[in-house]
N, C-alpha and C. Protein backbone atom coordinates (compact mmCIF):
# COMPACT_ATOMS: atom_id res chain seq x y z
N UNK A 1 10.89 -42.09 53.96
CA UNK A 1 11.16 -42.06 52.55
C UNK A 1 9.90 -41.81 51.74
N UNK A 2 8.80 -42.45 52.12
CA UNK A 2 7.54 -42.27 51.40
C UNK A 2 6.97 -40.88 51.57
N UNK A 3 7.20 -40.27 52.75
CA UNK A 3 6.71 -38.93 53.02
C UNK A 3 7.44 -37.89 52.16
N UNK A 4 8.74 -38.06 51.94
CA UNK A 4 9.51 -37.14 51.11
C UNK A 4 9.03 -37.19 49.66
N UNK A 5 8.69 -38.37 49.15
CA UNK A 5 8.22 -38.49 47.77
C UNK A 5 6.86 -37.82 47.59
N UNK A 6 5.97 -37.96 48.56
CA UNK A 6 4.66 -37.33 48.49
C UNK A 6 4.81 -35.81 48.53
N UNK A 7 5.68 -35.31 49.41
CA UNK A 7 5.91 -33.87 49.52
C UNK A 7 6.52 -33.31 48.24
N UNK A 8 7.50 -34.02 47.67
CA UNK A 8 8.12 -33.59 46.43
C UNK A 8 7.11 -33.59 45.29
N UNK A 9 6.25 -34.60 45.22
CA UNK A 9 5.23 -34.68 44.18
C UNK A 9 4.25 -33.51 44.30
N UNK A 10 3.81 -33.21 45.54
CA UNK A 10 2.89 -32.08 45.74
C UNK A 10 3.54 -30.75 45.36
N UNK A 11 4.81 -30.58 45.72
CA UNK A 11 5.52 -29.37 45.37
C UNK A 11 5.63 -29.22 43.86
N UNK A 12 5.96 -30.30 43.17
CA UNK A 12 6.09 -30.28 41.72
C UNK A 12 4.76 -29.94 41.05
N UNK A 13 3.68 -30.56 41.50
CA UNK A 13 2.37 -30.27 40.94
C UNK A 13 1.94 -28.83 41.22
N UNK A 14 2.21 -28.35 42.41
CA UNK A 14 1.86 -26.96 42.76
C UNK A 14 2.63 -25.97 41.91
N UNK A 15 3.91 -26.22 41.72
CA UNK A 15 4.73 -25.35 40.90
C UNK A 15 4.26 -25.37 39.44
N UNK A 16 3.92 -26.53 38.93
CA UNK A 16 3.42 -26.63 37.56
C UNK A 16 2.09 -25.90 37.39
N UNK A 17 1.20 -26.04 38.37
CA UNK A 17 -0.10 -25.35 38.31
C UNK A 17 0.10 -23.84 38.37
N UNK A 18 1.03 -23.38 39.19
CA UNK A 18 1.31 -21.96 39.30
C UNK A 18 1.87 -21.41 37.99
N UNK A 19 2.79 -22.12 37.37
CA UNK A 19 3.33 -21.70 36.09
C UNK A 19 2.27 -21.67 35.00
N UNK A 20 1.39 -22.65 34.98
CA UNK A 20 0.30 -22.68 34.01
C UNK A 20 -0.65 -21.50 34.22
N UNK A 21 -0.97 -21.20 35.47
CA UNK A 21 -1.84 -20.07 35.79
C UNK A 21 -1.20 -18.75 35.35
N UNK A 22 0.09 -18.58 35.59
CA UNK A 22 0.79 -17.37 35.16
C UNK A 22 0.81 -17.23 33.64
N UNK A 23 1.01 -18.33 32.94
CA UNK A 23 1.01 -18.30 31.48
C UNK A 23 -0.36 -17.92 30.94
N UNK A 24 -1.42 -18.42 31.54
CA UNK A 24 -2.77 -18.08 31.10
C UNK A 24 -3.06 -16.61 31.36
N UNK A 25 -2.66 -16.08 32.50
CA UNK A 25 -2.85 -14.66 32.79
C UNK A 25 -2.09 -13.78 31.80
N UNK A 26 -0.86 -14.14 31.50
CA UNK A 26 -0.06 -13.38 30.54
C UNK A 26 -0.69 -13.41 29.16
N UNK A 27 -1.20 -14.56 28.73
CA UNK A 27 -1.83 -14.68 27.43
C UNK A 27 -3.10 -13.84 27.35
N UNK A 28 -3.91 -13.85 28.40
CA UNK A 28 -5.13 -13.03 28.41
C UNK A 28 -4.80 -11.55 28.35
N UNK A 29 -3.79 -11.12 29.08
CA UNK A 29 -3.40 -9.71 29.06
C UNK A 29 -2.87 -9.30 27.69
N UNK A 30 -2.15 -10.18 27.04
CA UNK A 30 -1.62 -9.88 25.71
C UNK A 30 -2.73 -9.79 24.68
N UNK A 31 -3.69 -10.66 24.74
CA UNK A 31 -4.77 -10.65 23.76
C UNK A 31 -5.72 -9.47 23.95
N UNK A 32 -5.79 -8.90 25.13
CA UNK A 32 -6.71 -7.80 25.37
C UNK A 32 -6.15 -6.45 24.94
N UNK A 33 -4.86 -6.34 24.71
CA UNK A 33 -4.29 -5.08 24.28
C UNK A 33 -4.62 -4.85 22.82
N UNK A 34 -5.30 -3.75 22.56
CA UNK A 34 -5.67 -3.39 21.19
C UNK A 34 -5.01 -2.07 20.83
N UNK A 35 -4.02 -2.14 20.00
CA UNK A 35 -3.40 -0.92 19.50
C UNK A 35 -4.20 -0.39 18.34
N UNK A 36 -4.05 0.88 18.09
CA UNK A 36 -4.72 1.49 16.96
C UNK A 36 -3.74 2.43 16.28
N UNK A 37 -3.88 2.57 14.97
CA UNK A 37 -2.95 3.37 14.19
C UNK A 37 -3.71 4.34 13.31
N UNK A 38 -3.23 5.57 13.25
CA UNK A 38 -3.73 6.56 12.31
C UNK A 38 -2.70 6.71 11.21
N UNK A 39 -3.14 6.71 9.98
CA UNK A 39 -2.25 6.92 8.85
C UNK A 39 -2.63 8.24 8.18
N UNK A 40 -1.65 9.12 8.02
CA UNK A 40 -1.87 10.41 7.36
C UNK A 40 -1.12 10.37 6.04
N UNK A 41 -1.87 10.54 4.94
CA UNK A 41 -1.30 10.53 3.60
C UNK A 41 -1.70 11.81 2.87
N UNK A 42 -0.81 12.31 2.01
CA UNK A 42 -1.20 13.49 1.22
C UNK A 42 -2.24 13.10 0.17
N UNK A 43 -3.15 14.03 -0.11
CA UNK A 43 -4.20 13.78 -1.09
C UNK A 43 -3.63 13.71 -2.49
N UNK A 44 -2.69 14.59 -2.81
CA UNK A 44 -2.03 14.60 -4.11
C UNK A 44 -0.65 13.98 -3.98
N UNK A 45 -0.19 13.37 -5.06
CA UNK A 45 1.05 12.61 -4.99
C UNK A 45 2.28 13.48 -4.70
N UNK A 46 2.34 14.69 -5.17
CA UNK A 46 3.52 15.53 -4.98
C UNK A 46 3.50 16.35 -3.71
N UNK A 47 2.43 16.29 -2.94
CA UNK A 47 2.32 17.12 -1.73
C UNK A 47 3.26 16.63 -0.64
N UNK A 48 3.65 17.55 0.23
CA UNK A 48 4.56 17.17 1.31
C UNK A 48 3.77 16.70 2.53
N UNK A 49 4.45 15.92 3.34
CA UNK A 49 3.84 15.40 4.57
C UNK A 49 3.97 16.44 5.68
N UNK A 50 3.02 16.47 6.61
CA UNK A 50 3.22 17.34 7.77
C UNK A 50 4.32 16.73 8.66
N UNK A 51 5.06 17.59 9.32
CA UNK A 51 6.13 17.04 10.16
C UNK A 51 5.56 16.51 11.46
N UNK A 52 6.26 15.57 12.06
CA UNK A 52 5.81 14.92 13.28
C UNK A 52 5.70 15.87 14.46
N UNK A 53 6.52 16.93 14.46
CA UNK A 53 6.46 17.88 15.56
C UNK A 53 5.13 18.64 15.57
N UNK A 54 4.65 19.04 14.41
CA UNK A 54 3.37 19.76 14.37
C UNK A 54 2.22 18.84 14.77
N UNK A 55 2.29 17.57 14.36
CA UNK A 55 1.26 16.60 14.76
C UNK A 55 1.31 16.42 16.27
N UNK A 56 2.52 16.26 16.84
CA UNK A 56 2.68 16.11 18.28
C UNK A 56 2.11 17.32 19.00
N UNK A 57 2.36 18.52 18.47
CA UNK A 57 1.87 19.75 19.09
C UNK A 57 0.34 19.78 19.13
N UNK A 58 -0.31 19.42 18.02
CA UNK A 58 -1.78 19.41 17.97
C UNK A 58 -2.37 18.39 18.94
N UNK A 59 -1.77 17.21 19.00
CA UNK A 59 -2.29 16.18 19.90
C UNK A 59 -2.03 16.53 21.37
N UNK A 60 -0.86 17.05 21.65
CA UNK A 60 -0.53 17.41 23.03
C UNK A 60 -1.40 18.57 23.52
N UNK A 61 -1.70 19.53 22.65
CA UNK A 61 -2.54 20.66 23.04
C UNK A 61 -3.95 20.22 23.40
N UNK A 62 -4.38 19.08 22.86
CA UNK A 62 -5.72 18.57 23.15
C UNK A 62 -5.70 17.43 24.17
N UNK A 63 -4.56 17.16 24.76
CA UNK A 63 -4.46 16.14 25.81
C UNK A 63 -4.56 14.71 25.32
N UNK A 64 -4.20 14.47 24.06
CA UNK A 64 -4.27 13.11 23.49
C UNK A 64 -2.87 12.50 23.53
N UNK A 65 -2.75 11.36 24.20
CA UNK A 65 -1.47 10.67 24.31
C UNK A 65 -1.33 9.66 23.17
N UNK A 66 -0.10 9.47 22.70
CA UNK A 66 0.18 8.52 21.65
C UNK A 66 1.47 7.77 21.98
N UNK A 67 1.67 6.65 21.30
CA UNK A 67 2.87 5.84 21.54
C UNK A 67 4.04 6.29 20.65
N UNK A 68 3.77 6.49 19.35
CA UNK A 68 4.86 6.86 18.44
C UNK A 68 4.31 7.53 17.19
N UNK A 69 5.18 8.31 16.56
CA UNK A 69 4.90 8.91 15.25
C UNK A 69 6.04 8.47 14.35
N UNK A 70 5.71 7.76 13.26
CA UNK A 70 6.73 7.18 12.41
C UNK A 70 6.43 7.46 10.94
N UNK A 71 7.37 8.03 10.19
CA UNK A 71 7.17 8.14 8.74
C UNK A 71 7.41 6.78 8.09
N UNK A 72 6.53 6.40 7.19
CA UNK A 72 6.68 5.12 6.50
C UNK A 72 6.19 5.29 5.07
N UNK A 73 7.06 5.03 4.12
CA UNK A 73 6.79 5.25 2.69
C UNK A 73 6.31 6.67 2.49
N UNK A 74 5.12 6.87 2.01
CA UNK A 74 4.59 8.22 1.81
C UNK A 74 3.48 8.53 2.81
N UNK A 75 3.58 7.99 4.02
CA UNK A 75 2.57 8.21 5.05
C UNK A 75 3.24 8.48 6.38
N UNK A 76 2.47 9.04 7.28
CA UNK A 76 2.90 9.27 8.64
C UNK A 76 2.01 8.42 9.54
N UNK A 77 2.59 7.45 10.26
CA UNK A 77 1.83 6.54 11.10
C UNK A 77 1.93 6.96 12.56
N UNK A 78 0.77 7.08 13.21
CA UNK A 78 0.71 7.44 14.62
C UNK A 78 0.07 6.28 15.36
N UNK A 79 0.78 5.71 16.33
CA UNK A 79 0.26 4.57 17.10
C UNK A 79 -0.29 5.04 18.43
N UNK A 80 -1.45 4.45 18.81
CA UNK A 80 -2.13 4.78 20.05
C UNK A 80 -2.37 3.51 20.85
N UNK A 81 -2.63 3.68 22.15
CA UNK A 81 -2.94 2.55 23.03
C UNK A 81 -4.31 1.94 22.71
N UNK A 82 -5.27 2.77 22.32
CA UNK A 82 -6.63 2.27 22.10
C UNK A 82 -7.25 2.95 20.89
N UNK A 83 -8.33 2.37 20.41
CA UNK A 83 -9.02 2.96 19.28
C UNK A 83 -9.78 4.22 19.68
N UNK A 84 -10.11 4.37 20.97
CA UNK A 84 -10.77 5.60 21.43
C UNK A 84 -9.81 6.80 21.32
N UNK A 85 -8.54 6.59 21.69
CA UNK A 85 -7.56 7.66 21.54
C UNK A 85 -7.34 8.00 20.07
N UNK A 86 -7.33 6.97 19.24
CA UNK A 86 -7.14 7.17 17.81
C UNK A 86 -8.30 7.95 17.21
N UNK A 87 -9.52 7.64 17.62
CA UNK A 87 -10.70 8.36 17.11
C UNK A 87 -10.68 9.82 17.55
N UNK A 88 -10.28 10.07 18.79
CA UNK A 88 -10.19 11.45 19.28
C UNK A 88 -9.12 12.22 18.51
N UNK A 89 -7.99 11.56 18.23
CA UNK A 89 -6.92 12.21 17.47
C UNK A 89 -7.36 12.49 16.04
N UNK A 90 -8.10 11.57 15.45
CA UNK A 90 -8.60 11.78 14.09
C UNK A 90 -9.50 13.00 14.03
N UNK A 91 -10.35 13.14 15.03
CA UNK A 91 -11.26 14.30 15.08
C UNK A 91 -10.46 15.60 15.19
N UNK A 92 -9.43 15.60 16.05
CA UNK A 92 -8.61 16.80 16.24
C UNK A 92 -7.84 17.12 14.97
N UNK A 93 -7.21 16.11 14.37
CA UNK A 93 -6.39 16.35 13.18
C UNK A 93 -7.23 16.72 11.97
N UNK A 94 -8.45 16.19 11.88
CA UNK A 94 -9.34 16.59 10.78
C UNK A 94 -9.66 18.08 10.85
N UNK A 95 -9.78 18.61 12.05
CA UNK A 95 -10.13 20.02 12.19
C UNK A 95 -8.92 20.94 12.13
N UNK A 96 -7.73 20.45 12.45
CA UNK A 96 -6.56 21.34 12.51
C UNK A 96 -5.68 21.28 11.27
N UNK A 97 -5.58 20.14 10.62
CA UNK A 97 -4.74 20.02 9.43
C UNK A 97 -5.50 20.53 8.21
N UNK A 98 -4.77 21.00 7.19
CA UNK A 98 -5.45 21.39 5.95
C UNK A 98 -6.12 20.18 5.30
N UNK A 99 -7.03 20.45 4.41
CA UNK A 99 -7.79 19.36 3.76
C UNK A 99 -6.99 18.68 2.65
N UNK A 100 -5.68 18.85 2.64
CA UNK A 100 -4.82 18.21 1.64
C UNK A 100 -4.37 16.82 2.06
N UNK A 101 -4.88 16.32 3.19
CA UNK A 101 -4.42 15.05 3.73
C UNK A 101 -5.59 14.10 3.96
N UNK A 102 -5.30 12.82 3.80
CA UNK A 102 -6.26 11.76 4.13
C UNK A 102 -5.82 11.18 5.46
N UNK A 103 -6.73 11.17 6.42
CA UNK A 103 -6.43 10.63 7.75
C UNK A 103 -7.31 9.41 7.94
N UNK A 104 -6.69 8.24 7.99
CA UNK A 104 -7.44 6.98 8.07
C UNK A 104 -7.08 6.24 9.35
N UNK A 105 -8.10 5.73 10.02
CA UNK A 105 -7.89 4.95 11.24
C UNK A 105 -7.76 3.48 10.86
N UNK A 106 -6.71 2.83 11.37
CA UNK A 106 -6.47 1.42 11.10
C UNK A 106 -6.33 0.70 12.43
N UNK A 107 -7.25 -0.20 12.75
CA UNK A 107 -7.18 -0.96 13.99
C UNK A 107 -6.38 -2.22 13.76
N UNK A 108 -5.45 -2.50 14.69
CA UNK A 108 -4.65 -3.72 14.62
C UNK A 108 -5.39 -4.81 15.36
N UNK A 109 -5.75 -5.89 14.68
CA UNK A 109 -6.45 -7.00 15.31
C UNK A 109 -5.43 -8.04 15.73
N UNK A 110 -5.46 -8.36 17.03
CA UNK A 110 -4.54 -9.37 17.56
C UNK A 110 -5.32 -10.45 18.28
N UNK A 111 -6.40 -10.89 17.71
CA UNK A 111 -7.13 -11.94 18.40
C UNK A 111 -6.79 -13.30 17.82
N UNK A 112 -7.36 -14.30 18.43
CA UNK A 112 -7.02 -15.68 18.06
C UNK A 112 -7.41 -15.99 16.62
N UNK A 113 -8.45 -15.35 16.10
CA UNK A 113 -8.85 -15.63 14.72
C UNK A 113 -7.77 -15.20 13.74
N UNK A 114 -7.05 -14.14 14.05
CA UNK A 114 -5.97 -13.70 13.18
C UNK A 114 -4.88 -14.76 13.14
N UNK A 115 -4.52 -15.28 14.31
CA UNK A 115 -3.49 -16.32 14.36
C UNK A 115 -3.94 -17.58 13.64
N UNK A 116 -5.22 -17.93 13.79
CA UNK A 116 -5.72 -19.12 13.11
C UNK A 116 -5.72 -18.94 11.61
N UNK A 117 -6.08 -17.76 11.14
CA UNK A 117 -6.09 -17.53 9.69
C UNK A 117 -4.68 -17.57 9.14
N UNK A 118 -3.70 -17.08 9.92
CA UNK A 118 -2.31 -17.17 9.47
C UNK A 118 -1.86 -18.62 9.37
N UNK A 119 -2.29 -19.44 10.30
CA UNK A 119 -1.92 -20.86 10.25
C UNK A 119 -2.60 -21.58 9.11
N UNK A 120 -3.86 -21.22 8.85
CA UNK A 120 -4.60 -21.88 7.78
C UNK A 120 -4.10 -21.51 6.40
N UNK A 121 -3.64 -20.26 6.24
CA UNK A 121 -3.21 -19.81 4.92
C UNK A 121 -1.84 -20.36 4.52
N UNK A 122 -1.10 -20.87 5.46
CA UNK A 122 0.23 -21.41 5.15
C UNK A 122 0.09 -22.74 4.40
N UNK A 123 0.84 -22.91 3.33
CA UNK A 123 0.77 -24.17 2.59
C UNK A 123 1.41 -25.30 3.41
N UNK A 124 0.76 -26.44 3.37
CA UNK A 124 1.26 -27.60 4.09
C UNK A 124 1.84 -28.60 3.10
N UNK A 125 2.97 -29.16 3.47
CA UNK A 125 3.60 -30.17 2.61
C UNK A 125 3.71 -31.46 3.40
N UNK A 126 3.05 -32.46 2.94
CA UNK A 126 3.12 -33.77 3.58
C UNK A 126 3.75 -34.75 2.61
N UNK A 127 4.61 -35.61 3.15
CA UNK A 127 5.18 -36.71 2.40
C UNK A 127 6.03 -36.28 1.31
C-alpha cells in the first residue's frame, strides 16, 4: 500500500513538472515572435490606394514573403513575419510605387513590458 502511494506521488509530480516545462516553452516561443506591419497611405486625401494584387506582384517578384495584405480605413496594411522582411519590402515598394504614397513601418511589440503597461493603465476599484 505504501509503495503505491509513493509511485502515484512521483507520477503526479513528474506530470506536473512536465506540464510546467511545456507551458514555459510555449510562453517563450510566443514572446519571441515579432510581427511587423507596413502601412501604405496616400499622400493626398483624395488619391486612390494601390490594389493588393500589384503590391503582391512587386513583393513576389523580389522574393519577399508576407502574411497578409489588408485594406483598413484609408490604408493598406501588409503583415510580415519579421521586421527584416518588412524593411526589405519597404525598400522595394519605395522604389516601385509612385511617390504619391507614404510607406511606414510599424513594429508590433509583444513583450512583457507591453502587458505590464496594459495592466498598470487599467483603473482599479477597491472597496
